[in-house]
Amino acid sequence: MNLRRVQVDDLVKLMACNLQNIPENYRMRYWEYSIITWPDLSFLAEDESGKVVGYVLSSIEPEESAPYVRVGYINSLSVLRPYRRLGLAQRLMNLSKDAMLRDIAGIEYIQLHVRKSNRSALSLYHKLGYNHHRTVAKYYADGEDAFIMRLPLRPSSDTQRRKWRTWITNLWRFVHDKPHQLADAAMSLLRRRNSIP
């Protein structure tokens, strides 16, 4: 079994694996966008013949409620039935997590959605350290609820990190809400600086 990074050339094989396994399917454009935008985050497993038997499609995005916070997302994970219980899903998830951790800006946590009835996936995610964050009612097209699960990557009790996050939050709000005041403050600082010998 060969595990490697996903490439654009793998799109058709990835989509075939997805269609065989999962009722939720992305359009070709999304696959292409994900692979081109985050080339180091998605991985696949292929057998000796080159057939894709599993994959993880991942991305890094700003958090919806706090755009200055970066979050890793597992958008899709799939392993064909004959290849399950071989540890492929766990290995793919770990490869993606390790790639996300190498991101220069850093991420706070990794998040994913899972059907509340998918016991094998829930078991895997708990084993990997993911926790239930909240439930989204009727998330899937067939009306089933989704669990949002998160893997925290930064200790929430880290005082220095909280101070830094508060400072960034306040700066972001100031820049976002009052750009003219920021420009005035910068000009005032430049005037004072130029008047000092």
N, C-alpha and C. Protein backbone atom coordinates (compact mmCIF):
# COMPACT_ATOMS: atom_id res chain seq x y z
N MET A 1 0.85 -1.18 0.00
CA MET A 1 0.00 0.00 0.00
C MET A 1 0.89 1.24 0.00
N ASN A 2 0.60 2.17 -0.87
CA ASN A 2 1.38 3.39 -1.00
C ASN A 2 0.54 4.58 -0.54
N LEU A 3 1.08 5.37 0.39
CA LEU A 3 0.42 6.59 0.84
C LEU A 3 1.25 7.76 0.34
N ARG A 4 0.59 8.74 -0.25
CA ARG A 4 1.31 9.90 -0.79
C ARG A 4 0.38 11.11 -0.86
N ARG A 5 1.00 12.28 -1.15
CA ARG A 5 0.21 13.50 -1.32
C ARG A 5 -0.65 13.39 -2.58
N VAL A 6 -1.80 14.01 -2.51
CA VAL A 6 -2.71 14.07 -3.66
C VAL A 6 -2.16 15.07 -4.67
N GLN A 7 -2.31 14.74 -5.95
CA GLN A 7 -1.93 15.65 -7.03
C GLN A 7 -3.16 15.89 -7.91
N VAL A 8 -3.12 16.95 -8.69
CA VAL A 8 -4.26 17.28 -9.55
C VAL A 8 -4.58 16.13 -10.49
N ASP A 9 -3.56 15.39 -10.93
CA ASP A 9 -3.77 14.25 -11.83
C ASP A 9 -4.62 13.15 -11.20
N ASP A 10 -4.76 13.16 -9.88
CA ASP A 10 -5.50 12.11 -9.17
C ASP A 10 -6.99 12.40 -9.06
N LEU A 11 -7.44 13.54 -9.56
CA LEU A 11 -8.83 13.98 -9.34
C LEU A 11 -9.88 12.93 -9.71
N VAL A 12 -9.77 12.35 -10.88
CA VAL A 12 -10.79 11.40 -11.33
C VAL A 12 -10.81 10.17 -10.43
N LYS A 13 -9.64 9.68 -10.04
CA LYS A 13 -9.56 8.51 -9.15
C LYS A 13 -10.12 8.83 -7.77
N LEU A 14 -9.84 10.03 -7.27
CA LEU A 14 -10.37 10.44 -5.96
C LEU A 14 -11.89 10.50 -5.99
N MET A 15 -12.41 11.10 -7.04
CA MET A 15 -13.87 11.22 -7.15
C MET A 15 -14.52 9.84 -7.27
N ALA A 16 -13.87 8.92 -7.96
CA ALA A 16 -14.41 7.56 -8.07
C ALA A 16 -14.47 6.89 -6.71
N CYS A 17 -13.42 7.06 -5.91
CA CYS A 17 -13.39 6.50 -4.55
C CYS A 17 -14.49 7.12 -3.71
N ASN A 18 -14.66 8.43 -3.83
CA ASN A 18 -15.70 9.14 -3.09
C ASN A 18 -17.09 8.66 -3.47
N LEU A 19 -17.34 8.52 -4.76
CA LEU A 19 -18.67 8.10 -5.24
C LEU A 19 -19.03 6.69 -4.80
N GLN A 20 -18.04 5.81 -4.67
CA GLN A 20 -18.30 4.43 -4.25
C GLN A 20 -18.65 4.34 -2.77
N ASN A 21 -18.25 5.32 -2.01
CA ASN A 21 -18.28 5.18 -0.56
C ASN A 21 -19.19 6.13 0.20
N ILE A 22 -19.31 7.35 -0.27
CA ILE A 22 -19.93 8.40 0.54
C ILE A 22 -21.07 9.05 -0.23
N PRO A 23 -22.21 9.27 0.42
CA PRO A 23 -23.32 9.93 -0.27
C PRO A 23 -23.08 11.42 -0.51
N GLU A 24 -22.19 12.03 0.28
CA GLU A 24 -21.89 13.45 0.10
C GLU A 24 -20.75 13.58 -0.91
N ASN A 25 -21.00 14.26 -2.00
CA ASN A 25 -20.01 14.39 -3.05
C ASN A 25 -19.80 15.85 -3.42
N TYR A 26 -18.54 16.19 -3.65
CA TYR A 26 -18.20 17.54 -4.09
C TYR A 26 -18.14 17.59 -5.61
N ARG A 27 -18.32 18.78 -6.15
CA ARG A 27 -18.15 18.98 -7.59
C ARG A 27 -16.66 18.98 -7.92
N MET A 28 -16.35 18.68 -9.16
CA MET A 28 -14.96 18.64 -9.63
C MET A 28 -14.22 19.94 -9.31
N ARG A 29 -14.90 21.06 -9.45
CA ARG A 29 -14.26 22.36 -9.20
C ARG A 29 -13.76 22.47 -7.76
N TYR A 30 -14.53 21.95 -6.78
CA TYR A 30 -14.10 22.02 -5.39
C TYR A 30 -12.86 21.15 -5.15
N TRP A 31 -12.86 19.95 -5.71
CA TRP A 31 -11.69 19.07 -5.57
C TRP A 31 -10.45 19.78 -6.11
N GLU A 32 -10.60 20.32 -7.30
CA GLU A 32 -9.48 21.00 -7.96
C GLU A 32 -9.01 22.18 -7.12
N TYR A 33 -9.95 22.99 -6.67
CA TYR A 33 -9.63 24.16 -5.84
C TYR A 33 -8.88 23.74 -4.57
N SER A 34 -9.35 22.71 -3.89
CA SER A 34 -8.72 22.26 -2.65
C SER A 34 -7.29 21.78 -2.89
N ILE A 35 -7.12 20.99 -3.93
CA ILE A 35 -5.79 20.42 -4.18
C ILE A 35 -4.80 21.49 -4.63
N ILE A 36 -5.26 22.45 -5.41
CA ILE A 36 -4.36 23.51 -5.86
C ILE A 36 -4.07 24.51 -4.74
N THR A 37 -5.08 24.84 -3.95
CA THR A 37 -4.91 25.83 -2.88
C THR A 37 -4.10 25.29 -1.70
N TRP A 38 -4.33 24.03 -1.34
CA TRP A 38 -3.62 23.42 -0.20
C TRP A 38 -2.94 22.14 -0.67
N PRO A 39 -1.89 22.24 -1.49
CA PRO A 39 -1.30 21.04 -2.11
C PRO A 39 -0.63 20.09 -1.12
N ASP A 40 -0.30 20.56 0.06
CA ASP A 40 0.42 19.72 1.02
C ASP A 40 -0.47 19.05 2.05
N LEU A 41 -1.78 19.28 2.03
CA LEU A 41 -2.64 18.83 3.13
C LEU A 41 -3.44 17.56 2.86
N SER A 42 -3.63 17.20 1.60
CA SER A 42 -4.48 16.05 1.26
C SER A 42 -3.63 14.87 0.80
N PHE A 43 -4.06 13.67 1.21
CA PHE A 43 -3.28 12.46 0.94
C PHE A 43 -4.20 11.36 0.43
N LEU A 44 -3.57 10.37 -0.24
CA LEU A 44 -4.34 9.22 -0.72
C LEU A 44 -3.57 7.94 -0.44
N ALA A 45 -4.32 6.84 -0.46
CA ALA A 45 -3.74 5.50 -0.36
C ALA A 45 -4.07 4.79 -1.66
N GLU A 46 -3.08 4.16 -2.26
CA GLU A 46 -3.32 3.43 -3.50
C GLU A 46 -2.74 2.03 -3.38
N ASP A 47 -3.40 1.07 -4.05
CA ASP A 47 -2.91 -0.30 -4.03
C ASP A 47 -1.79 -0.46 -5.07
N GLU A 48 -1.31 -1.69 -5.22
CA GLU A 48 -0.18 -1.97 -6.09
C GLU A 48 -0.48 -1.61 -7.55
N SER A 49 -1.74 -1.66 -7.95
CA SER A 49 -2.12 -1.35 -9.33
C SER A 49 -2.32 0.15 -9.57
N GLY A 50 -2.22 0.96 -8.51
CA GLY A 50 -2.42 2.40 -8.63
C GLY A 50 -3.85 2.85 -8.38
N LYS A 51 -4.72 1.92 -7.99
CA LYS A 51 -6.12 2.26 -7.70
C LYS A 51 -6.19 2.99 -6.36
N VAL A 52 -6.89 4.13 -6.34
CA VAL A 52 -7.06 4.88 -5.09
C VAL A 52 -8.08 4.14 -4.24
N VAL A 53 -7.65 3.74 -3.03
CA VAL A 53 -8.52 2.98 -2.13
C VAL A 53 -8.92 3.79 -0.90
N GLY A 54 -8.35 4.99 -0.77
CA GLY A 54 -8.69 5.86 0.34
C GLY A 54 -8.05 7.22 0.16
N TYR A 55 -8.60 8.21 0.84
CA TYR A 55 -8.05 9.56 0.75
C TYR A 55 -8.53 10.40 1.93
N VAL A 56 -7.84 11.50 2.15
CA VAL A 56 -8.30 12.55 3.05
C VAL A 56 -8.13 13.87 2.31
N LEU A 57 -9.19 14.66 2.26
CA LEU A 57 -9.18 15.97 1.59
C LEU A 57 -9.27 17.03 2.69
N SER A 58 -8.25 17.88 2.78
CA SER A 58 -8.16 18.83 3.89
C SER A 58 -7.88 20.24 3.42
N SER A 59 -8.14 21.19 4.31
CA SER A 59 -7.88 22.60 4.01
C SER A 59 -7.61 23.36 5.30
N ILE A 60 -7.14 24.58 5.16
CA ILE A 60 -6.98 25.49 6.29
C ILE A 60 -7.75 26.76 5.93
N GLU A 61 -8.64 27.17 6.83
CA GLU A 61 -9.51 28.32 6.56
C GLU A 61 -9.57 29.20 7.81
N PRO A 62 -10.00 30.45 7.66
CA PRO A 62 -10.26 31.27 8.84
C PRO A 62 -11.52 30.79 9.54
N GLU A 63 -11.53 30.92 10.86
CA GLU A 63 -12.73 30.56 11.62
C GLU A 63 -13.83 31.56 11.29
N GLU A 64 -15.07 31.06 11.14
CA GLU A 64 -16.17 31.94 10.74
C GLU A 64 -16.40 33.10 11.72
N SER A 65 -16.37 32.82 13.01
CA SER A 65 -16.67 33.85 13.99
C SER A 65 -15.46 34.70 14.37
N ALA A 66 -14.27 34.26 13.99
CA ALA A 66 -13.04 35.00 14.31
C ALA A 66 -12.05 34.82 13.16
N PRO A 67 -12.13 35.65 12.13
CA PRO A 67 -11.34 35.44 10.92
C PRO A 67 -9.83 35.47 11.12
N TYR A 68 -9.35 35.96 12.25
CA TYR A 68 -7.92 35.98 12.53
C TYR A 68 -7.43 34.63 13.07
N VAL A 69 -8.35 33.72 13.36
CA VAL A 69 -7.99 32.38 13.85
C VAL A 69 -8.03 31.41 12.67
N ARG A 70 -6.95 30.65 12.49
CA ARG A 70 -6.89 29.68 11.39
C ARG A 70 -7.24 28.29 11.92
N VAL A 71 -8.03 27.58 11.11
CA VAL A 71 -8.56 26.27 11.51
C VAL A 71 -8.28 25.26 10.40
N GLY A 72 -7.86 24.07 10.80
CA GLY A 72 -7.71 22.98 9.84
C GLY A 72 -9.04 22.27 9.68
N TYR A 73 -9.37 21.87 8.46
CA TYR A 73 -10.62 21.16 8.20
C TYR A 73 -10.34 19.85 7.49
N ILE A 74 -10.96 18.79 7.99
CA ILE A 74 -11.01 17.53 7.27
C ILE A 74 -12.32 17.59 6.49
N ASN A 75 -12.24 17.84 5.20
CA ASN A 75 -13.44 18.00 4.38
C ASN A 75 -14.04 16.67 3.97
N SER A 76 -13.19 15.67 3.77
CA SER A 76 -13.68 14.36 3.36
C SER A 76 -12.63 13.31 3.67
N LEU A 77 -13.09 12.18 4.20
CA LEU A 77 -12.23 11.02 4.47
C LEU A 77 -12.98 9.80 3.98
N SER A 78 -12.29 8.97 3.21
CA SER A 78 -12.95 7.78 2.67
C SER A 78 -11.94 6.67 2.48
N VAL A 79 -12.33 5.45 2.86
CA VAL A 79 -11.55 4.25 2.58
C VAL A 79 -12.53 3.20 2.05
N LEU A 80 -12.21 2.60 0.91
CA LEU A 80 -13.09 1.58 0.33
C LEU A 80 -13.24 0.40 1.29
N ARG A 81 -14.42 -0.20 1.32
CA ARG A 81 -14.74 -1.26 2.28
C ARG A 81 -13.72 -2.38 2.37
N PRO A 82 -13.24 -2.95 1.25
CA PRO A 82 -12.29 -4.06 1.37
C PRO A 82 -10.96 -3.67 2.04
N TYR A 83 -10.71 -2.37 2.16
CA TYR A 83 -9.44 -1.90 2.71
C TYR A 83 -9.59 -1.29 4.11
N ARG A 84 -10.75 -1.46 4.70
CA ARG A 84 -10.97 -0.94 6.05
C ARG A 84 -10.37 -1.88 7.09
N ARG A 85 -10.19 -1.35 8.28
CA ARG A 85 -9.62 -2.09 9.41
C ARG A 85 -8.15 -2.45 9.18
N LEU A 86 -7.50 -1.68 8.32
CA LEU A 86 -6.06 -1.86 8.07
C LEU A 86 -5.26 -0.67 8.61
N GLY A 87 -5.97 0.27 9.22
CA GLY A 87 -5.31 1.46 9.76
C GLY A 87 -5.09 2.58 8.74
N LEU A 88 -5.66 2.42 7.54
CA LEU A 88 -5.44 3.44 6.50
C LEU A 88 -6.05 4.79 6.87
N ALA A 89 -7.27 4.79 7.38
CA ALA A 89 -7.92 6.05 7.74
C ALA A 89 -7.11 6.79 8.80
N GLN A 90 -6.64 6.07 9.79
CA GLN A 90 -5.84 6.69 10.85
C GLN A 90 -4.53 7.25 10.28
N ARG A 91 -3.89 6.50 9.41
CA ARG A 91 -2.63 6.97 8.82
C ARG A 91 -2.86 8.20 7.94
N LEU A 92 -3.94 8.20 7.16
CA LEU A 92 -4.26 9.36 6.33
C LEU A 92 -4.55 10.59 7.18
N MET A 93 -5.33 10.41 8.24
CA MET A 93 -5.65 11.52 9.15
C MET A 93 -4.39 12.08 9.79
N ASN A 94 -3.50 11.20 10.22
CA ASN A 94 -2.26 11.65 10.86
C ASN A 94 -1.35 12.39 9.88
N LEU A 95 -1.27 11.91 8.64
CA LEU A 95 -0.47 12.60 7.62
C LEU A 95 -1.00 14.02 7.41
N SER A 96 -2.31 14.15 7.31
CA SER A 96 -2.91 15.46 7.10
C SER A 96 -2.70 16.37 8.31
N LYS A 97 -2.88 15.83 9.50
CA LYS A 97 -2.66 16.62 10.72
C LYS A 97 -1.22 17.11 10.79
N ASP A 98 -0.27 16.22 10.53
CA ASP A 98 1.14 16.61 10.57
C ASP A 98 1.44 17.71 9.56
N ALA A 99 0.84 17.62 8.38
CA ALA A 99 1.03 18.65 7.36
C ALA A 99 0.44 19.98 7.83
N MET A 100 -0.72 19.94 8.48
CA MET A 100 -1.32 21.16 8.99
C MET A 100 -0.47 21.79 10.08
N LEU A 101 0.14 20.96 10.91
CA LEU A 101 0.97 21.48 12.00
C LEU A 101 2.23 22.17 11.48
N ARG A 102 2.65 21.83 10.27
CA ARG A 102 3.81 22.49 9.67
C ARG A 102 3.46 23.84 9.06
N ASP A 103 2.19 24.19 9.01
CA ASP A 103 1.77 25.47 8.45
C ASP A 103 2.40 26.60 9.27
N ILE A 104 2.98 27.55 8.59
CA ILE A 104 3.74 28.61 9.24
C ILE A 104 2.91 29.42 10.22
N ALA A 105 1.70 29.80 9.83
CA ALA A 105 0.87 30.66 10.68
C ALA A 105 0.29 29.92 11.87
N GLY A 106 0.24 28.61 11.82
CA GLY A 106 -0.30 27.83 12.92
C GLY A 106 -1.82 27.79 12.91
N ILE A 107 -2.36 26.70 13.42
CA ILE A 107 -3.81 26.55 13.50
C ILE A 107 -4.19 26.23 14.94
N GLU A 108 -5.38 26.62 15.31
CA GLU A 108 -5.86 26.42 16.68
C GLU A 108 -6.38 25.00 16.90
N TYR A 109 -7.11 24.50 15.91
CA TYR A 109 -7.70 23.16 16.03
C TYR A 109 -8.03 22.63 14.65
N ILE A 110 -8.33 21.33 14.58
CA ILE A 110 -8.80 20.71 13.35
C ILE A 110 -10.26 20.33 13.57
N GLN A 111 -11.09 20.59 12.59
CA GLN A 111 -12.53 20.34 12.71
C GLN A 111 -13.02 19.46 11.58
N LEU A 112 -14.06 18.70 11.86
CA LEU A 112 -14.70 17.87 10.83
C LEU A 112 -16.17 17.68 11.18
N HIS A 113 -16.94 17.28 10.18
CA HIS A 113 -18.35 16.91 10.36
C HIS A 113 -18.47 15.41 10.16
N VAL A 114 -19.31 14.78 10.96
CA VAL A 114 -19.53 13.34 10.81
C VAL A 114 -21.00 13.05 11.10
N ARG A 115 -21.55 12.09 10.36
CA ARG A 115 -22.93 11.67 10.63
C ARG A 115 -23.00 11.09 12.04
N LYS A 116 -24.06 11.44 12.77
CA LYS A 116 -24.17 10.93 14.14
C LYS A 116 -24.35 9.42 14.18
N SER A 117 -24.76 8.82 13.06
CA SER A 117 -24.96 7.36 13.01
C SER A 117 -23.70 6.60 12.58
N ASN A 118 -22.64 7.30 12.22
CA ASN A 118 -21.43 6.65 11.71
C ASN A 118 -20.53 6.24 12.87
N ARG A 119 -20.85 5.12 13.48
CA ARG A 119 -20.15 4.69 14.69
C ARG A 119 -18.68 4.39 14.47
N SER A 120 -18.35 3.78 13.34
CA SER A 120 -16.94 3.45 13.11
C SER A 120 -16.10 4.73 12.96
N ALA A 121 -16.65 5.73 12.26
CA ALA A 121 -15.92 7.00 12.12
C ALA A 121 -15.82 7.71 13.47
N LEU A 122 -16.90 7.71 14.24
CA LEU A 122 -16.87 8.34 15.56
C LEU A 122 -15.82 7.68 16.45
N SER A 123 -15.75 6.36 16.39
CA SER A 123 -14.76 5.63 17.18
C SER A 123 -13.34 6.03 16.77
N LEU A 124 -13.09 6.11 15.47
CA LEU A 124 -11.77 6.52 14.98
C LEU A 124 -11.44 7.93 15.45
N TYR A 125 -12.36 8.85 15.30
CA TYR A 125 -12.09 10.24 15.65
C TYR A 125 -11.83 10.39 17.15
N HIS A 126 -12.58 9.67 17.97
CA HIS A 126 -12.32 9.71 19.42
C HIS A 126 -10.93 9.15 19.72
N LYS A 127 -10.58 8.08 19.05
CA LYS A 127 -9.25 7.47 19.23
C LYS A 127 -8.14 8.46 18.87
N LEU A 128 -8.39 9.30 17.87
CA LEU A 128 -7.40 10.27 17.43
C LEU A 128 -7.40 11.55 18.27
N GLY A 129 -8.31 11.64 19.26
CA GLY A 129 -8.32 12.79 20.16
C GLY A 129 -9.36 13.85 19.86
N TYR A 130 -10.23 13.60 18.89
CA TYR A 130 -11.29 14.56 18.56
C TYR A 130 -12.39 14.50 19.61
N ASN A 131 -12.98 15.66 19.90
CA ASN A 131 -14.08 15.76 20.86
C ASN A 131 -15.31 16.34 20.18
N HIS A 132 -16.48 15.94 20.67
CA HIS A 132 -17.74 16.49 20.16
C HIS A 132 -17.80 17.97 20.55
N HIS A 133 -17.97 18.83 19.56
CA HIS A 133 -18.06 20.27 19.81
C HIS A 133 -19.52 20.71 19.87
N ARG A 134 -20.28 20.32 18.85
CA ARG A 134 -21.72 20.61 18.85
C ARG A 134 -22.40 19.77 17.77
N THR A 135 -23.73 19.80 17.79
CA THR A 135 -24.52 19.04 16.82
C THR A 135 -25.23 20.03 15.89
N VAL A 136 -25.22 19.71 14.60
CA VAL A 136 -25.94 20.52 13.61
C VAL A 136 -27.12 19.69 13.14
N ALA A 137 -28.33 20.15 13.47
CA ALA A 137 -29.54 19.41 13.10
C ALA A 137 -29.73 19.39 11.59
N LYS A 138 -30.10 18.23 11.09
CA LYS A 138 -30.45 18.04 9.67
C LYS A 138 -29.39 18.60 8.73
N TYR A 139 -28.14 18.36 9.04
CA TYR A 139 -27.03 18.88 8.23
C TYR A 139 -26.94 18.22 6.86
N TYR A 140 -27.19 16.92 6.83
CA TYR A 140 -27.04 16.17 5.58
C TYR A 140 -28.33 16.22 4.76
N ALA A 141 -28.19 15.98 3.46
CA ALA A 141 -29.32 16.08 2.52
C ALA A 141 -30.48 15.17 2.90
N ASP A 142 -30.19 14.03 3.53
CA ASP A 142 -31.26 13.10 3.91
C ASP A 142 -31.88 13.45 5.27
N GLY A 143 -31.45 14.57 5.86
CA GLY A 143 -32.02 15.02 7.13
C GLY A 143 -31.30 14.55 8.37
N GLU A 144 -30.23 13.78 8.21
CA GLU A 144 -29.50 13.30 9.40
C GLU A 144 -28.68 14.43 10.00
N ASP A 145 -28.56 14.39 11.34
CA ASP A 145 -27.75 15.37 12.07
C ASP A 145 -26.27 15.08 11.88
N ALA A 146 -25.47 16.13 12.02
CA ALA A 146 -24.01 15.99 11.99
C ALA A 146 -23.45 16.39 13.33
N PHE A 147 -22.41 15.69 13.75
CA PHE A 147 -21.62 16.11 14.90
C PHE A 147 -20.44 16.90 14.35
N ILE A 148 -20.19 18.06 14.92
CA ILE A 148 -18.95 18.77 14.62
C ILE A 148 -17.97 18.32 15.69
N MET A 149 -16.84 17.80 15.23
CA MET A 149 -15.81 17.32 16.16
C MET A 149 -14.55 18.15 15.96
N ARG A 150 -13.85 18.36 17.06
CA ARG A 150 -12.62 19.17 17.02
C ARG A 150 -11.48 18.47 17.72
N LEU A 151 -10.31 18.67 17.15
CA LEU A 151 -9.06 18.23 17.77
C LEU A 151 -8.30 19.48 18.17
N PRO A 152 -8.25 19.80 19.47
CA PRO A 152 -7.52 21.01 19.89
C PRO A 152 -6.02 20.80 19.71
N LEU A 153 -5.35 21.83 19.21
CA LEU A 153 -3.91 21.73 18.97
C LEU A 153 -3.10 22.66 19.85
N ARG A 154 -3.74 23.64 20.43
CA ARG A 154 -3.05 24.60 21.29
C ARG A 154 -3.69 24.55 22.67
N PRO A 155 -2.89 24.48 23.72
CA PRO A 155 -3.47 24.45 25.05
C PRO A 155 -4.26 25.72 25.35
N SER A 156 -5.52 25.56 25.72
CA SER A 156 -6.37 26.73 25.98
C SER A 156 -5.97 27.46 27.26
N SER A 157 -5.22 26.81 28.15
CA SER A 157 -4.84 27.45 29.41
C SER A 157 -3.54 28.25 29.28
N ASP A 158 -2.95 28.29 28.14
CA ASP A 158 -1.69 28.99 27.93
C ASP A 158 -1.92 30.50 28.04
N THR A 159 -1.46 31.09 29.13
CA THR A 159 -1.70 32.50 29.41
C THR A 159 -1.13 33.41 28.34
N GLN A 160 0.09 33.15 27.93
CA GLN A 160 0.73 33.99 26.92
C GLN A 160 -0.07 33.96 25.61
N ARG A 161 -0.54 32.78 25.26
CA ARG A 161 -1.31 32.65 24.02
C ARG A 161 -2.63 33.43 24.12
N ARG A 162 -3.27 33.37 25.30
CA ARG A 162 -4.51 34.12 25.48
C ARG A 162 -4.27 35.62 25.38
N LYS A 163 -3.17 36.10 25.97
CA LYS A 163 -2.84 37.52 25.88
C LYS A 163 -2.61 37.92 24.43
N TRP A 164 -1.85 37.10 23.71
CA TRP A 164 -1.56 37.37 22.31
C TRP A 164 -2.85 37.38 21.49
N ARG A 165 -3.73 36.41 21.74
CA ARG A 165 -4.99 36.32 21.00
C ARG A 165 -5.87 37.54 21.29
N THR A 166 -5.91 37.98 22.56
CA THR A 166 -6.69 39.16 22.92
C THR A 166 -6.14 40.39 22.21
N TRP A 167 -4.82 40.53 22.19
CA TRP A 167 -4.20 41.66 21.51
C TRP A 167 -4.55 41.66 20.03
N ILE A 168 -4.45 40.50 19.37
CA ILE A 168 -4.76 40.39 17.94
C ILE A 168 -6.25 40.67 17.70
N THR A 169 -7.10 40.16 18.58
CA THR A 169 -8.54 40.41 18.45
C THR A 169 -8.84 41.90 18.50
N ASN A 170 -8.26 42.57 19.49
CA ASN A 170 -8.50 44.01 19.63
C ASN A 170 -7.95 44.79 18.44
N LEU A 171 -6.77 44.40 17.97
CA LEU A 171 -6.19 45.06 16.80
C LEU A 171 -7.06 44.84 15.58
N TRP A 172 -7.51 43.61 15.38
CA TRP A 172 -8.35 43.30 14.22
C TRP A 172 -9.65 44.11 14.26
N ARG A 173 -10.26 44.17 15.44
CA ARG A 173 -11.50 44.94 15.57
C ARG A 173 -11.27 46.42 15.28
N PHE A 174 -10.15 46.94 15.80
CA PHE A 174 -9.82 48.35 15.58
C PHE A 174 -9.62 48.63 14.10
N VAL A 175 -8.82 47.80 13.44
CA VAL A 175 -8.54 47.99 12.01
C VAL A 175 -9.80 47.80 11.18
N HIS A 176 -10.59 46.81 11.55
CA HIS A 176 -11.81 46.50 10.79
C HIS A 176 -12.89 47.57 10.98
N ASP A 177 -13.07 48.01 12.23
CA ASP A 177 -14.17 48.92 12.54
C ASP A 177 -13.81 50.40 12.37
N LYS A 178 -12.52 50.73 12.51
CA LYS A 178 -12.16 52.15 12.51
C LYS A 178 -10.91 52.41 11.67
N PRO A 179 -10.97 52.14 10.37
CA PRO A 179 -9.77 52.31 9.55
C PRO A 179 -9.30 53.77 9.48
N HIS A 180 -10.23 54.73 9.53
CA HIS A 180 -9.83 56.13 9.46
C HIS A 180 -9.06 56.53 10.72
N GLN A 181 -9.44 55.99 11.89
CA GLN A 181 -8.71 56.30 13.12
C GLN A 181 -7.30 55.72 13.08
N LEU A 182 -7.15 54.55 12.45
CA LEU A 182 -5.83 53.95 12.31
C LEU A 182 -4.95 54.84 11.44
N ALA A 183 -5.49 55.34 10.34
CA ALA A 183 -4.73 56.22 9.45
C ALA A 183 -4.35 57.51 10.18
N ASP A 184 -5.27 58.09 10.95
CA ASP A 184 -4.99 59.31 11.71
C ASP A 184 -3.89 59.07 12.74
N ALA A 185 -3.96 57.94 13.43
CA ALA A 185 -2.95 57.61 14.44
C ALA A 185 -1.58 57.43 13.80
N ALA A 186 -1.53 56.79 12.64
CA ALA A 186 -0.26 56.59 11.94
C ALA A 186 0.32 57.93 11.49
N MET A 187 -0.52 58.80 10.96
CA MET A 187 -0.05 60.12 10.52
C MET A 187 0.45 60.94 11.70
N SER A 188 -0.25 60.89 12.81
CA SER A 188 0.16 61.61 14.01
C SER A 188 1.51 61.11 14.49
N LEU A 189 1.69 59.81 14.48
CA LEU A 189 2.97 59.22 14.90
C LEU A 189 4.09 59.67 13.97
N LEU A 190 3.84 59.68 12.68
CA LEU A 190 4.86 60.13 11.72
C LEU A 190 5.21 61.60 11.92
N ARG A 191 4.20 62.42 12.19
CA ARG A 191 4.46 63.85 12.42
C ARG A 191 5.33 64.04 13.66
N ARG A 192 4.98 63.33 14.74
CA ARG A 192 5.77 63.44 15.97
C ARG A 192 7.19 62.95 15.75
N ARG A 193 7.32 61.86 15.01
CA ARG A 193 8.64 61.26 14.78
C ARG A 193 9.52 62.22 13.97
N ASN A 194 8.93 62.87 12.98
CA ASN A 194 9.70 63.79 12.14
C ASN A 194 10.06 65.08 12.87
N SER A 195 9.33 65.44 13.91
CA SER A 195 9.64 66.67 14.64
C SER A 195 10.72 66.46 15.70
N ILE A 196 11.04 65.20 15.99
CA ILE A 196 12.08 64.90 16.98
C ILE A 196 13.42 64.87 16.26
N PRO A 197 14.44 65.59 16.78
CA PRO A 197 15.75 65.61 16.12
C PRO A 197 16.43 64.26 16.16
